[in-house]
Amino acid sequence: MGRPPCPTEEQEMLTLAEYLDARGDLLWCHVPNERHAKPQYLHKLRRLGVKKGVPDVLILEPMRTIPGVAIELKRRRGGKESPEQRAWIQDLRDRGWVAYCCYGADQAINVVELCYGKPGTQHAHRP
């Protein structure tokens, strides 16, 4: 018997998005940088401020000592960070953010719960 199929990055993102929405206590967004489009449109997006490597999820919910959480989400197996993604994670950390590359929604959910507590618990995010 082989290993079960590994969820796609899109499936992992859907799981994480459903979790974050169900919590209802965090201001968050997904940054859809993974576009496949005509070069002219991609050039236009870059001119409008789309940046290569920005993490997939930004949680804009400050805690006592950090401004927010950024998560680059990859597949559990086979996902790989780009140099631009590593640079964004480091730049965000340098600015006080909690920033990680997570392999699978479960790992990302663990990061969220370490920072903000489990759903339904009071988290001390207000300064």
Protein backbone atom coordinates (compact mmCIF):
# COMPACT_ATOMS: atom_id res chain seq x y z
CA MET A 1 0.00 0.00 0.00
CA GLY A 2 1.39 3.41 -1.00
CA ARG A 3 1.05 6.73 0.71
CA PRO A 4 -2.24 8.58 0.32
CA PRO A 5 -2.15 11.41 -2.24
CA CYS A 6 -0.72 14.67 -0.97
CA PRO A 7 -3.22 17.56 -1.03
CA THR A 8 -2.43 20.33 -3.48
CA GLU A 9 -1.37 23.74 -2.25
CA GLU A 10 -4.81 25.04 -3.24
CA GLN A 11 -6.51 22.36 -1.13
CA GLU A 12 -4.25 23.21 1.82
CA MET A 13 -5.10 26.92 1.38
CA LEU A 14 -8.81 26.14 1.30
CA THR A 15 -8.49 24.21 4.59
CA LEU A 16 -6.59 27.08 6.21
CA ALA A 17 -9.03 29.70 4.87
CA GLU A 18 -12.03 27.76 6.19
CA TYR A 19 -10.34 27.46 9.59
CA LEU A 20 -9.49 31.17 9.77
CA ASP A 21 -13.00 32.20 8.68
CA ALA A 22 -14.62 29.80 11.16
CA ARG A 23 -12.59 31.31 14.01
CA GLY A 24 -14.15 34.69 13.32
CA ASP A 25 -11.75 36.56 15.60
CA LEU A 26 -8.86 37.40 13.28
CA LEU A 27 -8.51 40.02 10.57
CA TRP A 28 -6.76 38.16 7.77
CA CYS A 29 -6.38 37.92 4.02
CA HIS A 30 -4.92 35.67 1.36
CA VAL A 31 -2.47 37.31 -1.04
CA PRO A 32 -3.09 35.66 -4.44
CA ASN A 33 0.37 36.06 -5.94
CA GLU A 34 0.46 32.71 -7.74
CA ARG A 35 -0.95 33.90 -11.05
CA HIS A 36 -0.63 32.42 -14.48
CA ALA A 37 -1.41 35.19 -16.93
CA LYS A 38 -0.15 36.89 -20.04
CA PRO A 39 3.18 38.68 -19.55
CA GLN A 40 1.57 42.08 -20.25
CA TYR A 41 -0.92 41.58 -17.42
CA LEU A 42 1.78 40.37 -15.00
CA HIS A 43 3.84 43.46 -15.88
CA LYS A 44 0.81 45.66 -15.15
CA LEU A 45 0.30 43.95 -11.78
CA ARG A 46 3.96 44.54 -10.85
CA ARG A 47 3.56 48.23 -11.75
CA LEU A 48 0.47 48.35 -9.52
CA GLY A 49 2.45 46.99 -6.56
CA VAL A 50 2.13 43.20 -6.68
CA LYS A 51 5.36 41.88 -5.16
CA LYS A 52 6.91 38.52 -5.89
CA GLY A 53 7.29 36.30 -2.83
CA VAL A 54 4.74 37.94 -0.49
CA PRO A 55 3.47 35.29 1.95
CA ASP A 56 0.13 33.65 1.16
CA VAL A 57 -1.62 34.65 4.39
CA LEU A 58 -1.36 37.87 6.36
CA ILE A 59 -3.04 38.01 9.75
CA LEU A 60 -3.36 41.69 10.57
CA GLU A 61 -4.18 41.16 14.22
CA PRO A 62 -1.57 42.71 16.51
CA MET A 63 -0.48 41.09 19.73
CA ARG A 64 1.29 42.74 22.63
CA THR A 65 4.72 42.59 21.00
CA ILE A 66 4.14 41.78 17.33
CA PRO A 67 2.21 43.50 14.54
CA GLY A 68 0.89 40.31 12.95
CA VAL A 69 1.52 36.87 11.48
CA ALA A 70 2.55 35.95 7.94
CA ILE A 71 2.37 32.42 6.55
CA GLU A 72 3.78 31.09 3.31
CA LEU A 73 1.82 27.89 2.72
CA LYS A 74 3.27 24.91 0.85
CA ARG A 75 2.17 21.37 0.16
CA ARG A 76 3.08 18.87 2.86
CA ARG A 77 5.38 17.09 0.44
CA GLY A 78 7.21 18.63 -2.48
CA GLY A 79 6.62 22.30 -1.68
CA LYS A 80 9.66 24.54 -1.87
CA GLU A 81 10.24 28.17 -0.87
CA SER A 82 11.58 30.54 -3.48
CA PRO A 83 14.42 32.94 -2.66
CA GLU A 84 11.90 35.80 -2.81
CA GLN A 85 9.63 34.05 -0.31
CA ARG A 86 12.54 33.47 2.07
CA ALA A 87 13.49 37.15 1.76
CA TRP A 88 9.94 38.32 2.55
CA ILE A 89 9.76 36.06 5.59
CA GLN A 90 13.07 37.41 6.87
CA ASP A 91 12.11 41.04 6.15
CA LEU A 92 8.84 40.60 8.04
CA ARG A 93 10.65 38.99 10.97
CA ASP A 94 13.10 41.91 10.98
CA ARG A 95 10.04 44.17 11.38
CA GLY A 96 8.70 42.22 14.34
CA TRP A 97 6.22 39.91 12.60
CA VAL A 98 5.86 36.21 13.27
CA ALA A 99 6.55 34.79 9.81
CA TYR A 100 6.89 31.14 8.75
CA CYS A 101 6.83 28.86 5.77
CA CYS A 102 4.39 26.09 6.73
CA TYR A 103 4.09 22.70 5.05
CA GLY A 104 0.39 21.90 5.09
CA ALA A 105 -2.62 23.57 6.66
CA ASP A 106 -2.13 21.65 9.92
CA GLN A 107 1.28 23.24 10.46
CA ALA A 108 -0.12 26.68 9.63
CA ILE A 109 -3.03 26.20 12.05
CA ASN A 110 -0.53 25.25 14.77
CA VAL A 111 1.32 28.54 14.20
CA VAL A 112 -1.94 30.50 14.40
CA GLU A 113 -2.97 28.75 17.61
CA LEU A 114 0.45 29.27 19.19
CA CYS A 115 0.12 32.99 18.51
CA TYR A 116 -3.59 33.58 19.12
CA GLY A 117 -4.79 30.57 21.09
CA LYS A 118 -7.34 27.98 20.08
CA PRO A 119 -10.67 29.13 18.64
CA GLY A 120 -13.03 30.49 21.24
CA THR A 121 -10.30 31.35 23.74
CA GLN A 122 -9.52 34.90 24.68
CA HIS A 123 -6.25 35.91 23.06
CA ALA A 124 -4.14 38.74 24.40
CA HIS A 125 -3.52 40.53 21.15
CA ARG A 126 -4.45 44.04 22.12
CA PRO A 127 -1.63 46.33 23.28
